[in-house]
């Protein structure tokens, strides 16, 4: 009897987990959403990115740091550096100012 109850409980658990799964709709960028752009960052950061204003890290991405630059027009560019591998990401985040 106890084995039957255990099997029934396991079956109900599997059915509830599988029945509760649904594919999430594809997310589309919202208006004003920031996007990454390809950048030629093979071995140097372009002077056109401006002055370095901050360096940040995020424990979610160990081994990576973000370098924040401010251009002459006051827009901000984030460059991602994988310092553990000594390389730059091939894209940068540009944040325009208005």
Foldseek 3Di string as FASTA:
>chain_A
DVVVVVVVVVVVVVCVVVVPDDDDDDDDDDVLRWDKDFDPFFPHDDCQQAAFDDKADDPVDPQKIWTWHAGPQRKIKIWIANNVVGGTDRIIIIGDDD
